[in-house]
Protein backbone atom coordinates (compact mmCIF):
# COMPACT_ATOMS: atom_id res chain seq x y z
CA MET A 1 1.06 17.77 -42.14
CA ALA A 2 2.30 19.92 -39.69
CA GLN A 3 6.12 20.12 -39.15
CA ASN A 4 7.87 21.81 -36.66
CA LEU A 5 11.66 21.21 -37.26
CA ASP A 6 12.50 24.07 -34.92
CA LYS A 7 11.41 21.96 -32.17
CA LEU A 8 12.40 18.53 -31.39
CA PHE A 9 12.82 15.93 -28.69
CA MET A 10 15.92 14.70 -27.64
CA ILE A 11 15.11 11.27 -26.48
CA ASP A 12 17.63 8.45 -24.15
CA ILE A 13 16.70 5.20 -22.31
CA GLU A 14 18.57 2.82 -19.56
CA THR A 15 17.70 -0.71 -19.77
CA THR A 16 18.54 -4.23 -18.10
CA GLY A 17 20.81 -5.34 -21.46
CA VAL A 18 20.40 -4.64 -25.33
CA ASP A 19 18.34 -7.41 -26.28
CA PRO A 20 14.33 -6.19 -26.09
CA ALA A 21 12.88 -9.28 -26.17
CA THR A 22 14.34 -10.40 -22.64
CA GLU A 23 15.52 -7.61 -21.43
CA GLU A 24 13.38 -4.24 -19.44
CA VAL A 25 13.17 -0.65 -19.53
CA LEU A 26 14.43 1.39 -16.31
CA GLN A 27 14.36 4.71 -17.59
CA ILE A 28 12.99 6.90 -20.19
CA ALA A 29 14.32 10.91 -20.28
CA ILE A 30 13.12 12.91 -22.98
CA LEU A 31 14.21 16.66 -23.34
CA GLU A 32 12.05 18.84 -25.46
CA ILE A 33 15.06 21.45 -27.52
CA ASN A 34 14.47 24.20 -29.90
CA PHE A 35 16.33 25.88 -32.04
CA ARG A 36 16.89 29.40 -31.58
CA ASP A 37 19.56 31.39 -33.44
CA GLY A 38 21.02 28.48 -34.73
CA LEU A 39 21.53 26.64 -31.81
CA TRP A 40 19.84 24.32 -30.19
CA GLU A 41 18.34 25.54 -26.16
CA LYS A 42 16.86 23.37 -24.10
CA GLY A 43 13.08 23.50 -22.86
CA GLU A 44 11.09 20.98 -20.84
CA SER A 45 11.72 17.64 -19.55
CA PHE A 46 9.77 14.11 -19.40
CA CYS A 47 11.60 11.26 -16.97
CA PHE A 48 10.02 8.45 -15.88
CA TYR A 49 11.49 5.39 -13.95
CA GLN A 50 9.86 1.96 -14.28
CA HIS A 51 9.39 -0.72 -11.25
CA THR A 52 12.02 -3.82 -11.28
CA ASP A 53 12.39 -6.40 -9.19
CA ARG A 54 16.31 -6.99 -11.26
CA GLU A 55 19.50 -6.50 -9.81
CA PRO A 56 22.74 -5.06 -11.53
CA THR A 57 24.35 -8.38 -13.33
CA THR A 58 27.24 -7.44 -15.41
CA LYS A 59 30.42 -5.49 -14.74
CA PHE A 60 28.87 -1.87 -16.29
CA ALA A 61 25.60 -1.96 -14.38
CA LYS A 62 27.52 -3.05 -11.28
CA GLU A 63 29.93 0.08 -11.34
CA HIS A 64 27.66 2.64 -13.47
CA MET A 65 24.05 2.00 -12.87
CA LYS A 66 23.76 0.89 -8.83
CA GLU A 67 21.43 3.90 -8.18
CA ILE A 68 19.08 3.63 -11.24
CA TYR A 69 18.18 0.20 -9.94
CA ALA A 70 18.13 1.70 -6.48
CA THR A 71 15.16 3.83 -7.78
CA CYS A 72 13.41 1.68 -10.27
CA LYS A 73 13.67 -1.16 -7.44
CA ALA A 74 11.05 1.74 -5.12
CA ALA A 75 9.37 2.68 -8.20
CA PRO A 76 6.02 2.06 -8.52
CA ALA A 77 4.97 -0.61 -11.86
CA VAL A 78 3.13 1.87 -14.40
CA PRO A 79 1.46 0.40 -17.25
CA ALA A 80 2.70 0.91 -20.45
CA ALA A 81 -0.15 2.45 -22.37
CA GLU A 82 0.04 4.77 -18.90
CA VAL A 83 3.45 5.80 -19.64
CA ARG A 84 2.43 6.44 -23.63
CA ALA A 85 -0.50 8.25 -22.82
CA ASN A 86 1.95 10.28 -20.70
CA ILE A 87 4.38 10.67 -23.08
CA LEU A 88 1.88 12.27 -26.02
CA LYS A 89 0.27 14.59 -22.97
CA PHE A 90 4.40 16.23 -22.33
CA CYS A 91 4.67 16.58 -26.23
CA LYS A 92 1.27 18.10 -27.53
CA LYS A 93 1.53 20.03 -24.37
CA LEU A 94 4.75 21.69 -26.34
CA GLY A 95 2.82 21.55 -29.56
CA ALA A 96 3.88 18.77 -30.83
CA GLU A 97 1.23 16.01 -31.24
CA ALA A 98 1.45 12.52 -33.24
CA PRO A 99 2.61 11.45 -35.73
CA ASN A 100 4.58 14.69 -35.56
CA ILE A 101 6.62 14.48 -32.81
CA PHE A 102 10.48 14.05 -33.88
CA PHE A 103 12.39 12.65 -31.48
CA ALA A 104 16.49 13.20 -31.82
CA GLY A 105 19.16 10.65 -30.63
CA TRP A 106 22.59 9.17 -29.90
CA ASN A 107 21.12 5.65 -31.64
CA ALA A 108 17.12 6.71 -31.40
CA GLY A 109 16.02 5.15 -34.11
CA ILE A 110 17.74 1.75 -33.77
CA PHE A 111 17.74 1.34 -30.62
CA ASP A 112 16.02 3.61 -28.14
CA LEU A 113 12.43 3.73 -30.36
CA PRO A 114 12.36 0.23 -31.25
CA PHE A 115 13.00 -1.38 -27.90
CA LEU A 116 10.22 1.09 -26.76
CA GLU A 117 7.74 -0.10 -29.50
CA ARG A 118 8.56 -3.81 -28.10
CA HIS A 119 6.98 -2.70 -24.75
CA GLY A 120 4.35 -0.57 -25.79
CA TYR A 121 6.05 2.64 -24.30
CA LEU A 122 5.99 4.13 -28.14
CA VAL A 123 4.98 3.74 -31.43
CA PRO A 124 6.67 4.58 -34.26
CA ALA A 125 5.02 6.10 -37.21
CA LYS A 126 4.56 4.10 -40.34
CA TYR A 127 2.27 4.66 -43.79
CA VAL A 128 -1.28 3.04 -43.87
CA ASN A 129 -2.72 3.47 -47.58
CA ASP A 130 -0.39 6.73 -47.80
CA GLN A 131 -1.32 7.93 -44.48
CA LEU A 132 1.19 8.56 -41.63
CA VAL A 133 0.43 7.00 -38.24
CA GLY A 134 1.58 5.72 -35.20
CA ASP A 135 3.18 8.31 -32.16
CA CYS A 136 6.17 9.82 -33.61
CA HIS A 137 7.74 10.29 -37.09
CA TYR A 138 9.63 8.21 -38.92
CA ARG A 139 12.24 10.83 -39.37
CA VAL A 140 14.74 10.64 -36.62
CA TYR A 141 17.36 13.60 -35.81
CA GLU A 142 20.59 10.49 -35.25
CA LEU A 143 23.29 12.33 -33.60
CA SER A 144 25.74 9.44 -34.91
CA GLY A 145 25.15 10.35 -38.20
CA ALA A 146 25.40 14.51 -37.64
CA ILE A 147 29.13 13.70 -36.59
CA GLN A 148 29.70 11.30 -39.62
CA LEU A 149 28.34 14.83 -41.64
CA ALA A 150 30.73 17.08 -39.64
CA ALA A 151 33.83 14.50 -40.74
CA ASN A 152 32.95 14.53 -44.05
CA VAL A 153 33.06 18.57 -44.13
CA ARG A 154 36.85 17.77 -42.78
CA SER A 155 37.12 15.66 -46.07
CA HIS A 156 37.66 12.50 -43.82
CA ASN A 157 35.51 9.85 -41.77
CA GLU A 158 37.40 9.99 -38.55
CA ILE A 159 34.36 10.15 -36.41
CA ASN A 160 36.05 9.45 -33.07
CA ALA A 161 38.32 12.52 -33.47
CA VAL A 162 35.41 14.86 -34.51
CA LEU A 163 33.22 13.18 -31.54
CA LYS A 164 35.96 14.03 -29.38
CA GLU A 165 36.50 17.64 -30.21
CA ALA A 166 32.77 17.96 -29.81
CA GLN A 167 32.99 16.79 -26.42
CA LYS A 168 35.76 19.20 -25.18
CA LEU A 169 33.67 22.49 -26.60
CA SER A 170 30.63 21.12 -24.49
CA PRO A 171 30.28 22.17 -21.31
CA LYS A 172 30.78 20.03 -17.77
CA LEU A 173 27.46 19.04 -16.79
CA GLU A 174 26.69 18.17 -12.98
CA GLY A 175 25.45 14.67 -13.07
CA SER A 176 25.60 11.06 -14.10
CA ARG A 177 26.98 9.97 -17.83
CA HIS A 178 24.64 6.61 -17.42
CA GLU A 179 21.55 8.65 -16.54
CA ALA A 180 19.06 8.90 -19.25
CA LEU A 181 18.07 12.73 -18.20
CA PHE A 182 21.53 13.62 -18.32
CA ASP A 183 22.37 11.74 -21.84
CA CYS A 184 19.72 13.71 -23.38
CA GLU A 185 21.20 17.13 -22.27
CA ARG A 186 24.92 16.07 -22.91
CA GLN A 187 23.61 15.29 -26.29
CA MET A 188 21.91 18.22 -26.94
CA HIS A 189 25.58 20.15 -26.15
CA ILE A 190 27.45 17.67 -28.40
CA LEU A 191 25.09 18.85 -31.67
CA ASN A 192 25.84 22.16 -31.08
CA ALA A 193 29.45 21.38 -30.35
CA LEU A 194 29.29 19.92 -33.78
CA ILE A 195 27.21 23.11 -35.42
CA ARG A 196 29.78 25.76 -34.22
CA MET A 197 32.75 23.54 -35.48
CA MET A 198 31.13 23.18 -38.77
CA ARG A 199 30.36 26.96 -39.20
CA ASP A 200 34.09 27.57 -38.12
CA TRP A 201 35.36 25.24 -40.76
CA LYS A 202 36.93 26.98 -43.52
CA ASN A 203 37.70 25.66 -46.63
CA PRO A 204 38.78 22.15 -45.13
CA VAL A 205 41.28 20.57 -46.98
């Protein structure tokens, strides 16, 4: 099984809500990241907006997602199978082929990928007769797990304090925090900050 763990794809999605059974995908963003000289480096990106006729209804959506809803309302409706083919083509062009496309994300394994699977945009890999089949590998690099590990290195589980420290060490980016491609890059920088922090922590008490 060919595995290049020096290349990951940071993924983030925006949706009309959190229940994949009743809600829609608005945006899918994927950022290629490559591990070079001990840190993750930004590569090429994939960004897709899906058509919706819905309007933002929650207070959060009205305050933070009005622009995404407007973009999606003006976007064409694209069949999920076509979007899936484009995602796989994007990854293949960069040297990663199904089922060994490795994703990273905030909680990609428990939210983004299951949501995309429900709507037919991606098929997470699984074993069938001892063969791994599907689009993307079942091993997902979760940022939430990386933050937990960083806290453990400091001999505690105060993950919010660790996250705040990592955010302070991350560069300021132009854009909106609740836009998927922006969040992909922000998450890459948080991951790099965690790497630097753990290298600097010597003899944790």
